[in-house]
Amino acid sequence: MEAVNQPLETLQDIKRMMERSSRFISLSGWSGVSAGICALAGAWMAHHTIEKYRTGAADGYTDKSGSHFSFWHTDAMVSELIMIAGVVFLSAFVTAFLFTWLRSKKAGIEIWGTTAKRLMWNTVLPMAVGGLVILRMLDLGYYLLVAPCCLVFYGLALVNASKFTLGEIKYAGYAIIILGLLNVWMLGSGLLFWSLGFGVIHIVYGVWMWWKYEKV
């Protein structure tokens, strides 16, 4: 019986070795959870920042897309929101890296090997292109399109990265893309869609990945 099972076990070992060489499998589920928590905290801060600048509709202002805002000192508000987004991104990146590094160290896998570099490039490229598009939107004053564009480009980055890491990440990418497209037709709800996409989906995905791959 052991002789019969031995070739099958050998094939499984070979499959695992090939997967390790072609995919970065040390991505931690806790990375997704921490990123989601950072996003929800950022959404909470953004909400309070917006409320701070809110006034009556009579004192509002219309952006270049024709959408009406009921805020004053809009430039100052946008600057604060950009700062919050930057802090959230940096916090999410640092915590995600920390949890992934800990898992890589525990598994004895090199964290900055060839597969990690491929993963990084295929994740960063769509996000960098999206970042340039969003900067131009801010310059033109199309503020209501910023949130959906963030979601769509980030979702595309996850789908693109799924070829080089845990394949399930593409489902999170699809969900975030759908939320971004819905937000295009519901422009006044950007913060809600942002919270669902960057917050809730990250947490759900992270818990799912932890349960599937890391739970002892």
N, C-alpha and C. Protein backbone atom coordinates (compact mmCIF):
# COMPACT_ATOMS: atom_id res chain seq x y z
N MET A 1 0.83 -1.21 0.00
CA MET A 1 0.00 0.00 0.00
C MET A 1 0.86 1.26 0.00
N GLU A 2 1.92 1.22 0.81
CA GLU A 2 2.83 2.37 0.87
C GLU A 2 3.51 2.59 -0.47
N ALA A 3 3.84 1.48 -1.17
CA ALA A 3 4.49 1.59 -2.47
C ALA A 3 3.57 2.24 -3.49
N VAL A 4 2.26 1.98 -3.35
CA VAL A 4 1.29 2.57 -4.26
C VAL A 4 1.14 4.07 -4.01
N ASN A 5 1.14 4.46 -2.73
CA ASN A 5 0.94 5.85 -2.36
C ASN A 5 2.17 6.71 -2.57
N GLN A 6 3.35 6.10 -2.61
CA GLN A 6 4.60 6.86 -2.70
C GLN A 6 4.69 7.71 -3.97
N PRO A 7 4.36 7.17 -5.17
CA PRO A 7 4.41 8.02 -6.36
C PRO A 7 3.46 9.21 -6.27
N LEU A 8 2.25 8.99 -5.69
CA LEU A 8 1.30 10.07 -5.53
C LEU A 8 1.83 11.16 -4.61
N GLU A 9 2.45 10.76 -3.50
CA GLU A 9 3.04 11.73 -2.58
C GLU A 9 4.18 12.49 -3.24
N THR A 10 4.96 11.78 -4.07
CA THR A 10 6.06 12.43 -4.79
C THR A 10 5.53 13.50 -5.74
N LEU A 11 4.45 13.15 -6.47
CA LEU A 11 3.84 14.12 -7.38
C LEU A 11 3.31 15.33 -6.63
N GLN A 12 2.72 15.10 -5.46
CA GLN A 12 2.22 16.21 -4.66
C GLN A 12 3.35 17.11 -4.17
N ASP A 13 4.49 16.49 -3.79
CA ASP A 13 5.65 17.27 -3.38
C ASP A 13 6.17 18.12 -4.53
N ILE A 14 6.22 17.52 -5.72
CA ILE A 14 6.68 18.26 -6.90
C ILE A 14 5.75 19.42 -7.20
N LYS A 15 4.44 19.18 -7.08
CA LYS A 15 3.45 20.23 -7.32
C LYS A 15 3.64 21.39 -6.34
N ARG A 16 3.87 21.06 -5.06
CA ARG A 16 4.08 22.11 -4.06
C ARG A 16 5.35 22.90 -4.34
N MET A 17 6.41 22.20 -4.77
CA MET A 17 7.67 22.88 -5.09
C MET A 17 7.49 23.82 -6.28
N MET A 18 6.75 23.37 -7.30
CA MET A 18 6.52 24.21 -8.48
C MET A 18 5.67 25.42 -8.12
N GLU A 19 4.71 25.23 -7.24
CA GLU A 19 3.86 26.34 -6.81
C GLU A 19 4.66 27.36 -6.03
N ARG A 20 5.57 26.87 -5.20
CA ARG A 20 6.43 27.80 -4.44
C ARG A 20 7.30 28.62 -5.36
N SER A 21 7.77 28.01 -6.45
CA SER A 21 8.68 28.71 -7.35
C SER A 21 7.96 29.71 -8.25
N SER A 22 6.66 29.53 -8.47
CA SER A 22 5.92 30.39 -9.39
C SER A 22 4.96 31.34 -8.68
N ARG A 23 4.63 31.08 -7.42
CA ARG A 23 3.68 31.92 -6.69
C ARG A 23 4.23 32.29 -5.32
N PHE A 24 3.92 33.52 -4.91
CA PHE A 24 4.29 33.97 -3.56
C PHE A 24 3.16 33.55 -2.63
N ILE A 25 3.37 32.45 -1.89
CA ILE A 25 2.30 31.85 -1.10
C ILE A 25 2.37 32.24 0.38
N SER A 26 3.23 33.19 0.72
CA SER A 26 3.38 33.59 2.13
C SER A 26 2.51 34.78 2.50
N LEU A 27 1.66 35.22 1.57
CA LEU A 27 0.78 36.35 1.88
C LEU A 27 -0.14 35.97 3.04
N SER A 28 -0.11 36.74 4.09
CA SER A 28 -0.84 36.40 5.30
C SER A 28 -2.27 36.94 5.27
N GLY A 29 -3.20 36.12 5.79
CA GLY A 29 -4.58 36.58 5.92
C GLY A 29 -4.70 37.77 6.85
N TRP A 30 -3.82 37.83 7.85
CA TRP A 30 -3.83 38.96 8.78
C TRP A 30 -3.45 40.26 8.08
N SER A 31 -2.74 40.17 6.96
CA SER A 31 -2.42 41.37 6.18
C SER A 31 -3.70 42.00 5.66
N GLY A 32 -4.62 41.16 5.15
CA GLY A 32 -5.90 41.68 4.68
C GLY A 32 -6.73 42.26 5.79
N VAL A 33 -6.74 41.59 6.94
CA VAL A 33 -7.52 42.08 8.08
C VAL A 33 -6.99 43.43 8.54
N SER A 34 -5.68 43.55 8.67
CA SER A 34 -5.09 44.81 9.13
C SER A 34 -5.35 45.94 8.14
N ALA A 35 -5.24 45.63 6.83
CA ALA A 35 -5.51 46.65 5.81
C ALA A 35 -6.96 47.10 5.87
N GLY A 36 -7.87 46.15 6.10
CA GLY A 36 -9.29 46.51 6.21
C GLY A 36 -9.58 47.39 7.41
N ILE A 37 -8.95 47.07 8.53
CA ILE A 37 -9.14 47.89 9.73
C ILE A 37 -8.60 49.30 9.51
N CYS A 38 -7.45 49.41 8.87
CA CYS A 38 -6.88 50.73 8.56
C CYS A 38 -7.83 51.52 7.65
N ALA A 39 -8.42 50.83 6.66
CA ALA A 39 -9.33 51.50 5.73
C ALA A 39 -10.58 52.00 6.45
N LEU A 40 -11.13 51.18 7.34
CA LEU A 40 -12.33 51.60 8.08
C LEU A 40 -12.02 52.78 9.00
N ALA A 41 -10.84 52.74 9.64
CA ALA A 41 -10.44 53.86 10.48
C ALA A 41 -10.28 55.13 9.65
N GLY A 42 -9.70 54.97 8.45
CA GLY A 42 -9.54 56.12 7.56
C GLY A 42 -10.88 56.66 7.09
N ALA A 43 -11.84 55.77 6.81
CA ALA A 43 -13.17 56.21 6.39
C ALA A 43 -13.86 56.98 7.51
N TRP A 44 -13.67 56.52 8.74
CA TRP A 44 -14.25 57.22 9.89
C TRP A 44 -13.67 58.63 10.01
N MET A 45 -12.35 58.74 9.86
CA MET A 45 -11.71 60.05 9.93
C MET A 45 -12.14 60.94 8.78
N ALA A 46 -12.27 60.35 7.58
CA ALA A 46 -12.71 61.12 6.41
C ALA A 46 -14.12 61.64 6.61
N HIS A 47 -14.99 60.81 7.18
CA HIS A 47 -16.37 61.23 7.43
C HIS A 47 -16.41 62.44 8.36
N HIS A 48 -15.63 62.39 9.42
CA HIS A 48 -15.61 63.52 10.36
C HIS A 48 -14.99 64.76 9.73
N THR A 49 -14.02 64.56 8.84
CA THR A 49 -13.42 65.70 8.14
C THR A 49 -14.45 66.37 7.23
N ILE A 50 -15.22 65.55 6.50
CA ILE A 50 -16.25 66.09 5.61
C ILE A 50 -17.32 66.83 6.41
N GLU A 51 -17.73 66.23 7.53
CA GLU A 51 -18.75 66.88 8.35
C GLU A 51 -18.25 68.21 8.90
N LYS A 52 -16.96 68.29 9.13
CA LYS A 52 -16.39 69.53 9.67
C LYS A 52 -16.55 70.67 8.67
N TYR A 53 -16.50 70.34 7.39
CA TYR A 53 -16.57 71.37 6.35
C TYR A 53 -17.98 71.54 5.77
N ARG A 54 -18.93 70.76 6.27
CA ARG A 54 -20.27 70.81 5.68
C ARG A 54 -21.01 72.08 6.12
N THR A 55 -21.72 72.69 5.18
CA THR A 55 -22.57 73.86 5.47
C THR A 55 -23.89 73.67 4.73
N GLY A 56 -24.71 74.67 4.73
CA GLY A 56 -25.97 74.60 4.00
C GLY A 56 -25.74 74.59 2.49
N ALA A 57 -26.69 74.02 1.76
CA ALA A 57 -26.56 73.91 0.30
C ALA A 57 -26.43 75.26 -0.37
N ALA A 58 -26.99 76.30 0.24
CA ALA A 58 -26.92 77.64 -0.36
C ALA A 58 -25.50 78.14 -0.43
N ASP A 59 -24.65 77.67 0.47
CA ASP A 59 -23.26 78.10 0.48
C ASP A 59 -22.37 77.11 -0.26
N GLY A 60 -22.98 76.26 -1.04
CA GLY A 60 -22.23 75.18 -1.67
C GLY A 60 -21.43 75.63 -2.89
N TYR A 61 -20.96 74.64 -3.59
CA TYR A 61 -20.14 74.91 -4.75
C TYR A 61 -20.30 73.76 -5.73
N THR A 62 -20.22 74.04 -7.01
CA THR A 62 -20.39 73.02 -8.04
C THR A 62 -19.05 72.72 -8.69
N ASP A 63 -18.69 71.42 -8.75
CA ASP A 63 -17.41 71.06 -9.34
C ASP A 63 -17.54 71.02 -10.87
N LYS A 64 -16.45 70.71 -11.56
CA LYS A 64 -16.43 70.78 -13.01
C LYS A 64 -17.21 69.67 -13.68
N SER A 65 -17.64 68.66 -12.91
CA SER A 65 -18.48 67.62 -13.47
C SER A 65 -19.96 68.00 -13.36
N GLY A 66 -20.25 69.16 -12.75
CA GLY A 66 -21.63 69.60 -12.59
C GLY A 66 -22.26 69.12 -11.31
N SER A 67 -21.53 68.42 -10.46
CA SER A 67 -22.07 67.91 -9.20
C SER A 67 -21.95 68.97 -8.12
N HIS A 68 -23.00 69.09 -7.33
CA HIS A 68 -23.05 70.14 -6.31
C HIS A 68 -22.51 69.64 -4.97
N PHE A 69 -21.67 70.46 -4.35
CA PHE A 69 -21.15 70.20 -3.01
C PHE A 69 -21.72 71.22 -2.05
N SER A 70 -21.97 70.81 -0.83
CA SER A 70 -22.42 71.76 0.19
C SER A 70 -21.34 71.92 1.25
N PHE A 71 -20.12 72.21 0.79
CA PHE A 71 -19.00 72.38 1.70
C PHE A 71 -18.38 73.76 1.47
N TRP A 72 -17.71 74.24 2.46
CA TRP A 72 -16.93 75.44 2.28
C TRP A 72 -15.46 75.10 2.51
N HIS A 73 -14.56 75.98 2.07
CA HIS A 73 -13.12 75.71 2.12
C HIS A 73 -12.82 74.33 1.49
N THR A 74 -13.30 74.10 0.28
CA THR A 74 -13.19 72.79 -0.36
C THR A 74 -11.74 72.38 -0.56
N ASP A 75 -10.89 73.30 -0.95
CA ASP A 75 -9.48 72.96 -1.17
C ASP A 75 -8.84 72.43 0.11
N ALA A 76 -9.15 73.06 1.23
CA ALA A 76 -8.61 72.60 2.51
C ALA A 76 -9.14 71.22 2.85
N MET A 77 -10.42 70.98 2.57
CA MET A 77 -11.01 69.68 2.86
C MET A 77 -10.35 68.60 2.01
N VAL A 78 -10.17 68.86 0.72
CA VAL A 78 -9.53 67.89 -0.17
C VAL A 78 -8.12 67.58 0.29
N SER A 79 -7.39 68.61 0.73
CA SER A 79 -6.02 68.40 1.22
C SER A 79 -6.01 67.47 2.44
N GLU A 80 -6.96 67.69 3.35
CA GLU A 80 -7.04 66.83 4.53
C GLU A 80 -7.40 65.40 4.16
N LEU A 81 -8.31 65.23 3.21
CA LEU A 81 -8.71 63.89 2.78
C LEU A 81 -7.55 63.17 2.10
N ILE A 82 -6.77 63.89 1.32
CA ILE A 82 -5.60 63.28 0.67
C ILE A 82 -4.58 62.84 1.72
N MET A 83 -4.41 63.68 2.76
CA MET A 83 -3.47 63.33 3.83
C MET A 83 -3.94 62.07 4.57
N ILE A 84 -5.24 61.99 4.84
CA ILE A 84 -5.80 60.81 5.51
C ILE A 84 -5.58 59.57 4.65
N ALA A 85 -5.84 59.69 3.33
CA ALA A 85 -5.65 58.56 2.42
C ALA A 85 -4.19 58.10 2.42
N GLY A 86 -3.26 59.06 2.45
CA GLY A 86 -1.84 58.71 2.47
C GLY A 86 -1.45 57.98 3.74
N VAL A 87 -1.95 58.45 4.88
CA VAL A 87 -1.64 57.79 6.16
C VAL A 87 -2.24 56.39 6.20
N VAL A 88 -3.47 56.24 5.69
CA VAL A 88 -4.12 54.93 5.67
C VAL A 88 -3.33 53.97 4.79
N PHE A 89 -2.93 54.42 3.61
CA PHE A 89 -2.16 53.56 2.69
C PHE A 89 -0.85 53.13 3.33
N LEU A 90 -0.13 54.07 3.94
CA LEU A 90 1.14 53.74 4.56
C LEU A 90 0.96 52.77 5.72
N SER A 91 -0.06 52.99 6.54
CA SER A 91 -0.32 52.10 7.68
C SER A 91 -0.68 50.70 7.21
N ALA A 92 -1.54 50.63 6.18
CA ALA A 92 -1.94 49.32 5.65
C ALA A 92 -0.75 48.59 5.06
N PHE A 93 0.11 49.32 4.35
CA PHE A 93 1.28 48.70 3.72
C PHE A 93 2.24 48.16 4.78
N VAL A 94 2.50 48.95 5.81
CA VAL A 94 3.45 48.54 6.85
C VAL A 94 2.94 47.31 7.60
N THR A 95 1.67 47.34 8.01
CA THR A 95 1.13 46.20 8.76
C THR A 95 1.04 44.96 7.88
N ALA A 96 0.66 45.13 6.61
CA ALA A 96 0.58 43.98 5.69
C ALA A 96 1.96 43.37 5.49
N PHE A 97 2.97 44.22 5.32
CA PHE A 97 4.33 43.72 5.16
C PHE A 97 4.79 42.97 6.41
N LEU A 98 4.46 43.52 7.58
CA LEU A 98 4.89 42.90 8.83
C LEU A 98 4.31 41.49 8.98
N PHE A 99 3.01 41.34 8.76
CA PHE A 99 2.38 40.03 8.90
C PHE A 99 2.89 39.05 7.84
N THR A 100 3.12 39.53 6.63
CA THR A 100 3.64 38.66 5.58
C THR A 100 5.07 38.25 5.88
N TRP A 101 5.86 39.17 6.41
CA TRP A 101 7.25 38.85 6.77
C TRP A 101 7.28 37.80 7.88
N LEU A 102 6.40 37.94 8.85
CA LEU A 102 6.35 36.96 9.94
C LEU A 102 5.97 35.58 9.42
N ARG A 103 5.01 35.53 8.49
CA ARG A 103 4.61 34.23 7.94
C ARG A 103 5.72 33.63 7.09
N SER A 104 6.40 34.45 6.31
CA SER A 104 7.51 33.97 5.49
C SER A 104 8.63 33.43 6.36
N LYS A 105 8.92 34.14 7.45
CA LYS A 105 9.97 33.70 8.36
C LYS A 105 9.60 32.37 9.02
N LYS A 106 8.34 32.23 9.39
CA LYS A 106 7.88 31.00 10.02
C LYS A 106 7.95 29.82 9.05
N ALA A 107 7.64 30.07 7.77
CA ALA A 107 7.64 29.01 6.76
C ALA A 107 9.03 28.78 6.17
N GLY A 108 9.98 29.65 6.49
CA GLY A 108 11.33 29.51 5.95
C GLY A 108 11.42 29.85 4.48
N ILE A 109 10.57 30.80 4.02
CA ILE A 109 10.53 31.19 2.61
C ILE A 109 11.11 32.59 2.46
N GLU A 110 11.94 32.78 1.44
CA GLU A 110 12.54 34.08 1.17
C GLU A 110 11.44 35.08 0.81
N ILE A 111 11.40 36.22 1.50
CA ILE A 111 10.32 37.17 1.28
C ILE A 111 10.56 38.04 0.04
N TRP A 112 11.80 38.22 -0.38
CA TRP A 112 12.07 39.09 -1.52
C TRP A 112 12.77 38.30 -2.63
N GLY A 113 12.14 37.20 -3.03
CA GLY A 113 12.67 36.40 -4.12
C GLY A 113 12.09 36.83 -5.45
N THR A 114 12.30 36.00 -6.46
CA THR A 114 11.82 36.32 -7.81
C THR A 114 10.31 36.43 -7.87
N THR A 115 9.61 35.51 -7.19
CA THR A 115 8.14 35.54 -7.23
C THR A 115 7.60 36.78 -6.53
N ALA A 116 8.24 37.19 -5.44
CA ALA A 116 7.79 38.39 -4.73
C ALA A 116 7.97 39.63 -5.61
N LYS A 117 9.05 39.67 -6.37
CA LYS A 117 9.29 40.81 -7.27
C LYS A 117 8.24 40.84 -8.38
N ARG A 118 7.91 39.66 -8.93
CA ARG A 118 6.85 39.62 -9.95
C ARG A 118 5.52 40.08 -9.38
N LEU A 119 5.22 39.61 -8.17
CA LEU A 119 3.98 40.00 -7.51
C LEU A 119 3.94 41.51 -7.30
N MET A 120 5.04 42.07 -6.81
CA MET A 120 5.10 43.51 -6.56
C MET A 120 4.88 44.31 -7.84
N TRP A 121 5.56 43.92 -8.92
CA TRP A 121 5.44 44.65 -10.18
C TRP A 121 4.02 44.60 -10.72
N ASN A 122 3.41 43.41 -10.71
CA ASN A 122 2.07 43.25 -11.27
C ASN A 122 0.99 43.89 -10.39
N THR A 123 1.31 44.15 -9.13
CA THR A 123 0.38 44.87 -8.26
C THR A 123 0.56 46.37 -8.39
N VAL A 124 1.80 46.81 -8.43
CA VAL A 124 2.09 48.24 -8.44
C VAL A 124 1.72 48.90 -9.77
N LEU A 125 1.90 48.19 -10.89
CA LEU A 125 1.68 48.81 -12.21
C LEU A 125 0.26 49.36 -12.36
N PRO A 126 -0.82 48.55 -12.15
CA PRO A 126 -2.16 49.12 -12.28
C PRO A 126 -2.43 50.23 -11.25
N MET A 127 -1.87 50.08 -10.05
CA MET A 127 -2.08 51.10 -9.03
C MET A 127 -1.38 52.41 -9.39
N ALA A 128 -0.18 52.31 -9.97
CA ALA A 128 0.55 53.51 -10.36
C ALA A 128 -0.16 54.24 -11.48
N VAL A 129 -0.65 53.49 -12.47
CA VAL A 129 -1.41 54.10 -13.57
C VAL A 129 -2.67 54.75 -13.02
N GLY A 130 -3.37 54.04 -12.12
CA GLY A 130 -4.56 54.61 -11.51
C GLY A 130 -4.25 55.86 -10.71
N GLY A 131 -3.11 55.85 -10.02
CA GLY A 131 -2.72 57.03 -9.24
C GLY A 131 -2.53 58.25 -10.11
N LEU A 132 -1.92 58.07 -11.29
CA LEU A 132 -1.73 59.20 -12.21
C LEU A 132 -3.07 59.72 -12.73
N VAL A 133 -3.97 58.78 -13.04
CA VAL A 133 -5.31 59.19 -13.50
C VAL A 133 -6.04 59.97 -12.41
N ILE A 134 -5.94 59.49 -11.19
CA ILE A 134 -6.63 60.15 -10.07
C ILE A 134 -6.04 61.53 -9.79
N LEU A 135 -4.72 61.65 -9.89
CA LEU A 135 -4.10 62.97 -9.69
C LEU A 135 -4.61 63.97 -10.72
N ARG A 136 -4.77 63.50 -11.97
CA ARG A 136 -5.30 64.38 -13.01
C ARG A 136 -6.75 64.76 -12.72
N MET A 137 -7.54 63.81 -12.20
CA MET A 137 -8.93 64.10 -11.83
C MET A 137 -8.99 65.15 -10.74
N LEU A 138 -8.10 65.04 -9.75
CA LEU A 138 -8.06 66.04 -8.69
C LEU A 138 -7.70 67.41 -9.25
N ASP A 139 -6.78 67.41 -10.20
CA ASP A 139 -6.35 68.65 -10.81
C ASP A 139 -7.50 69.31 -11.58
N LEU A 140 -8.34 68.48 -12.22
CA LEU A 140 -9.46 68.99 -13.00
C LEU A 140 -10.69 69.27 -12.14
N GLY A 141 -10.69 68.78 -10.89
CA GLY A 141 -11.81 69.02 -10.00
C GLY A 141 -12.91 67.98 -10.07
N TYR A 142 -12.62 66.81 -10.63
CA TYR A 142 -13.64 65.74 -10.68
C TYR A 142 -13.55 64.89 -9.41
N TYR A 143 -13.88 65.49 -8.29
CA TYR A 143 -13.65 64.85 -7.00
C TYR A 143 -14.52 63.61 -6.79
N LEU A 144 -15.74 63.61 -7.30
CA LEU A 144 -16.65 62.51 -7.04
C LEU A 144 -16.25 61.23 -7.77
N LEU A 145 -15.37 61.34 -8.75
CA LEU A 145 -14.92 60.15 -9.47
C LEU A 145 -13.66 59.52 -8.85
N VAL A 146 -13.12 60.17 -7.85
CA VAL A 146 -11.88 59.67 -7.25
C VAL A 146 -12.10 58.33 -6.55
N ALA A 147 -13.13 58.25 -5.70
CA ALA A 147 -13.38 57.01 -4.95
C ALA A 147 -13.63 55.81 -5.87
N PRO A 148 -14.53 55.91 -6.88
CA PRO A 148 -14.73 54.76 -7.75
C PRO A 148 -13.49 54.37 -8.54
N CYS A 149 -12.70 55.36 -8.96
CA CYS A 149 -11.47 55.05 -9.69
C CYS A 149 -10.46 54.33 -8.79
N CYS A 150 -10.37 54.75 -7.53
CA CYS A 150 -9.50 54.06 -6.58
C CYS A 150 -9.89 52.58 -6.49
N LEU A 151 -11.19 52.32 -6.38
CA LEU A 151 -11.67 50.96 -6.24
C LEU A 151 -11.40 50.14 -7.50
N VAL A 152 -11.71 50.70 -8.67
CA VAL A 152 -11.55 49.96 -9.92
C VAL A 152 -10.09 49.61 -10.17
N PHE A 153 -9.20 50.58 -10.05
CA PHE A 153 -7.78 50.32 -10.33
C PHE A 153 -7.17 49.37 -9.30
N TYR A 154 -7.60 49.50 -8.04
CA TYR A 154 -7.08 48.59 -7.02
C TYR A 154 -7.60 47.17 -7.26
N GLY A 155 -8.88 47.06 -7.64
CA GLY A 155 -9.42 45.74 -7.96
C GLY A 155 -8.67 45.10 -9.12
N LEU A 156 -8.38 45.89 -10.15
CA LEU A 156 -7.60 45.37 -11.28
C LEU A 156 -6.21 44.92 -10.84
N ALA A 157 -5.62 45.66 -9.89
CA ALA A 157 -4.30 45.28 -9.38
C ALA A 157 -4.36 43.92 -8.67
N LEU A 158 -5.42 43.68 -7.90
CA LEU A 158 -5.56 42.40 -7.20
C LEU A 158 -5.75 41.25 -8.20
N VAL A 159 -6.58 41.46 -9.20
CA VAL A 159 -6.80 40.42 -10.21
C VAL A 159 -5.49 40.12 -10.94
N ASN A 160 -4.76 41.16 -11.28
CA ASN A 160 -3.48 40.98 -11.97
C ASN A 160 -2.47 40.26 -11.08
N ALA A 161 -2.48 40.57 -9.78
CA ALA A 161 -1.52 39.97 -8.85
C ALA A 161 -1.85 38.52 -8.53
N SER A 162 -3.11 38.13 -8.73
CA SER A 162 -3.53 36.77 -8.34
C SER A 162 -2.79 35.68 -9.10
N LYS A 163 -2.20 36.03 -10.24
CA LYS A 163 -1.43 35.04 -11.01
C LYS A 163 -0.13 34.69 -10.32
N PHE A 164 0.29 35.51 -9.37
CA PHE A 164 1.60 35.31 -8.74
C PHE A 164 1.51 35.09 -7.24
N THR A 165 0.29 34.93 -6.71
CA THR A 165 0.13 34.64 -5.29
C THR A 165 -1.09 33.74 -5.12
N LEU A 166 -1.71 33.75 -3.96
CA LEU A 166 -2.89 32.92 -3.73
C LEU A 166 -3.99 33.30 -4.71
N GLY A 167 -4.47 32.31 -5.47
CA GLY A 167 -5.41 32.59 -6.54
C GLY A 167 -6.72 33.19 -6.08
N GLU A 168 -7.10 32.92 -4.83
CA GLU A 168 -8.37 33.42 -4.31
C GLU A 168 -8.44 34.94 -4.23
N ILE A 169 -7.28 35.57 -4.29
CA ILE A 169 -7.27 37.03 -4.17
C ILE A 169 -8.02 37.69 -5.32
N LYS A 170 -8.14 36.97 -6.45
CA LYS A 170 -8.84 37.56 -7.59
C LYS A 170 -10.32 37.80 -7.29
N TYR A 171 -10.91 36.97 -6.42
CA TYR A 171 -12.32 37.16 -6.09
C TYR A 171 -12.54 38.45 -5.32
N ALA A 172 -11.58 38.78 -4.44
CA ALA A 172 -11.64 40.08 -3.76
C ALA A 172 -11.51 41.20 -4.78
N GLY A 173 -10.63 41.00 -5.77
CA GLY A 173 -10.46 42.00 -6.83
C GLY A 173 -11.73 42.21 -7.63
N TYR A 174 -12.40 41.11 -8.00
CA TYR A 174 -13.65 41.22 -8.75
C TYR A 174 -14.70 41.99 -7.95
N ALA A 175 -14.81 41.66 -6.66
CA ALA A 175 -15.81 42.33 -5.81
C ALA A 175 -15.53 43.82 -5.71
N ILE A 176 -14.26 44.19 -5.58
CA ILE A 176 -13.90 45.61 -5.45
C ILE A 176 -14.14 46.35 -6.76
N ILE A 177 -13.86 45.70 -7.90
CA ILE A 177 -14.14 46.32 -9.21
C ILE A 177 -15.64 46.58 -9.36
N ILE A 178 -16.46 45.60 -8.98
CA ILE A 178 -17.91 45.77 -9.07
C ILE A 178 -18.39 46.94 -8.21
N LEU A 179 -17.86 47.03 -6.99
CA LEU A 179 -18.22 48.15 -6.12
C LEU A 179 -17.82 49.48 -6.75
N GLY A 180 -16.64 49.53 -7.36
CA GLY A 180 -16.19 50.76 -8.01
C GLY A 180 -17.10 51.17 -9.16
N LEU A 181 -17.52 50.18 -9.97
CA LEU A 181 -18.40 50.48 -11.09
C LEU A 181 -19.78 50.94 -10.60
N LEU A 182 -20.28 50.31 -9.54
CA LEU A 182 -21.54 50.76 -8.96
C LEU A 182 -21.43 52.19 -8.45
N ASN A 183 -20.27 52.51 -7.87
CA ASN A 183 -20.06 53.84 -7.33
C ASN A 183 -20.07 54.91 -8.41
N VAL A 184 -19.71 54.53 -9.67
CA VAL A 184 -19.74 55.48 -10.78
C VAL A 184 -21.16 55.99 -10.99
N TRP A 185 -22.16 55.12 -10.75
CA TRP A 185 -23.55 55.51 -10.93
C TRP A 185 -24.19 55.99 -9.62
N MET A 186 -23.44 55.95 -8.54
CA MET A 186 -23.93 56.44 -7.25
C MET A 186 -22.84 57.33 -6.65
N LEU A 187 -22.57 58.43 -7.31
CA LEU A 187 -21.40 59.24 -7.00
C LEU A 187 -21.45 59.89 -5.62
N GLY A 188 -22.62 60.04 -5.06
CA GLY A 188 -22.69 60.68 -3.76
C GLY A 188 -22.38 59.75 -2.60
N SER A 189 -22.08 58.48 -2.90
CA SER A 189 -21.86 57.49 -1.83
C SER A 189 -20.44 56.94 -1.85
N GLY A 190 -19.50 57.76 -2.26
CA GLY A 190 -18.12 57.31 -2.39
C GLY A 190 -17.53 56.75 -1.12
N LEU A 191 -17.80 57.40 0.01
CA LEU A 191 -17.22 56.96 1.28
C LEU A 191 -17.78 55.61 1.70
N LEU A 192 -19.06 55.37 1.41
CA LEU A 192 -19.67 54.07 1.73
C LEU A 192 -19.03 52.96 0.91
N PHE A 193 -18.90 53.18 -0.40
CA PHE A 193 -18.29 52.17 -1.26
C PHE A 193 -16.81 51.96 -0.91
N TRP A 194 -16.13 53.04 -0.56
CA TRP A 194 -14.74 52.96 -0.13
C TRP A 194 -14.63 52.05 1.10
N SER A 195 -15.52 52.25 2.07
CA SER A 195 -15.51 51.45 3.29
C SER A 195 -15.78 49.98 3.00
N LEU A 196 -16.75 49.71 2.11
CA LEU A 196 -17.06 48.33 1.76
C LEU A 196 -15.90 47.67 1.01
N GLY A 197 -15.34 48.40 0.04
CA GLY A 197 -14.29 47.81 -0.79
C GLY A 197 -12.97 47.64 -0.07
N PHE A 198 -12.45 48.71 0.49
CA PHE A 198 -11.14 48.66 1.13
C PHE A 198 -11.21 48.14 2.57
N GLY A 199 -12.38 48.27 3.19
CA GLY A 199 -12.52 47.83 4.57
C GLY A 199 -13.10 46.45 4.72
N VAL A 200 -14.38 46.31 4.44
CA VAL A 200 -15.10 45.06 4.69
C VAL A 200 -14.55 43.90 3.86
N ILE A 201 -14.36 44.12 2.57
CA ILE A 201 -13.88 43.03 1.70
C ILE A 201 -12.49 42.57 2.13
N HIS A 202 -11.62 43.50 2.50
CA HIS A 202 -10.29 43.12 2.97
C HIS A 202 -10.38 42.24 4.22
N ILE A 203 -11.24 42.63 5.14
CA ILE A 203 -11.36 41.86 6.39
C ILE A 203 -11.93 40.47 6.11
N VAL A 204 -12.99 40.41 5.30
CA VAL A 204 -13.61 39.11 4.97
C VAL A 204 -12.61 38.22 4.26
N TYR A 205 -11.90 38.78 3.28
CA TYR A 205 -10.91 38.00 2.54
C TYR A 205 -9.79 37.53 3.47
N GLY A 206 -9.32 38.43 4.34
CA GLY A 206 -8.23 38.09 5.24
C GLY A 206 -8.60 36.96 6.18
N VAL A 207 -9.80 37.03 6.75
CA VAL A 207 -10.27 35.96 7.65
C VAL A 207 -10.40 34.66 6.89
N TRP A 208 -10.91 34.71 5.69
CA TRP A 208 -11.07 33.52 4.85
C TRP A 208 -9.72 32.87 4.57
N MET A 209 -8.74 33.69 4.19
CA MET A 209 -7.40 33.17 3.89
C MET A 209 -6.72 32.61 5.13
N TRP A 210 -6.92 33.27 6.26
CA TRP A 210 -6.34 32.76 7.50
C TRP A 210 -6.95 31.41 7.85
N TRP A 211 -8.27 31.32 7.72
CA TRP A 211 -8.97 30.08 8.04
C TRP A 211 -8.51 28.94 7.13
N LYS A 212 -8.31 29.24 5.87
CA LYS A 212 -7.99 28.22 4.87
C LYS A 212 -6.54 27.78 4.92
N TYR A 213 -5.61 28.73 5.15
CA TYR A 213 -4.19 28.42 4.99
C TYR A 213 -3.38 28.49 6.28
N GLU A 214 -3.84 29.26 7.26
CA GLU A 214 -2.98 29.51 8.41
C GLU A 214 -3.48 28.94 9.73
N LYS A 215 -4.77 28.62 9.79
CA LYS A 215 -5.31 28.12 11.05
C LYS A 215 -4.65 26.79 11.41
N VAL A 216 -4.19 26.70 12.65
CA VAL A 216 -3.51 25.49 13.11
C VAL A 216 -4.53 24.51 13.68
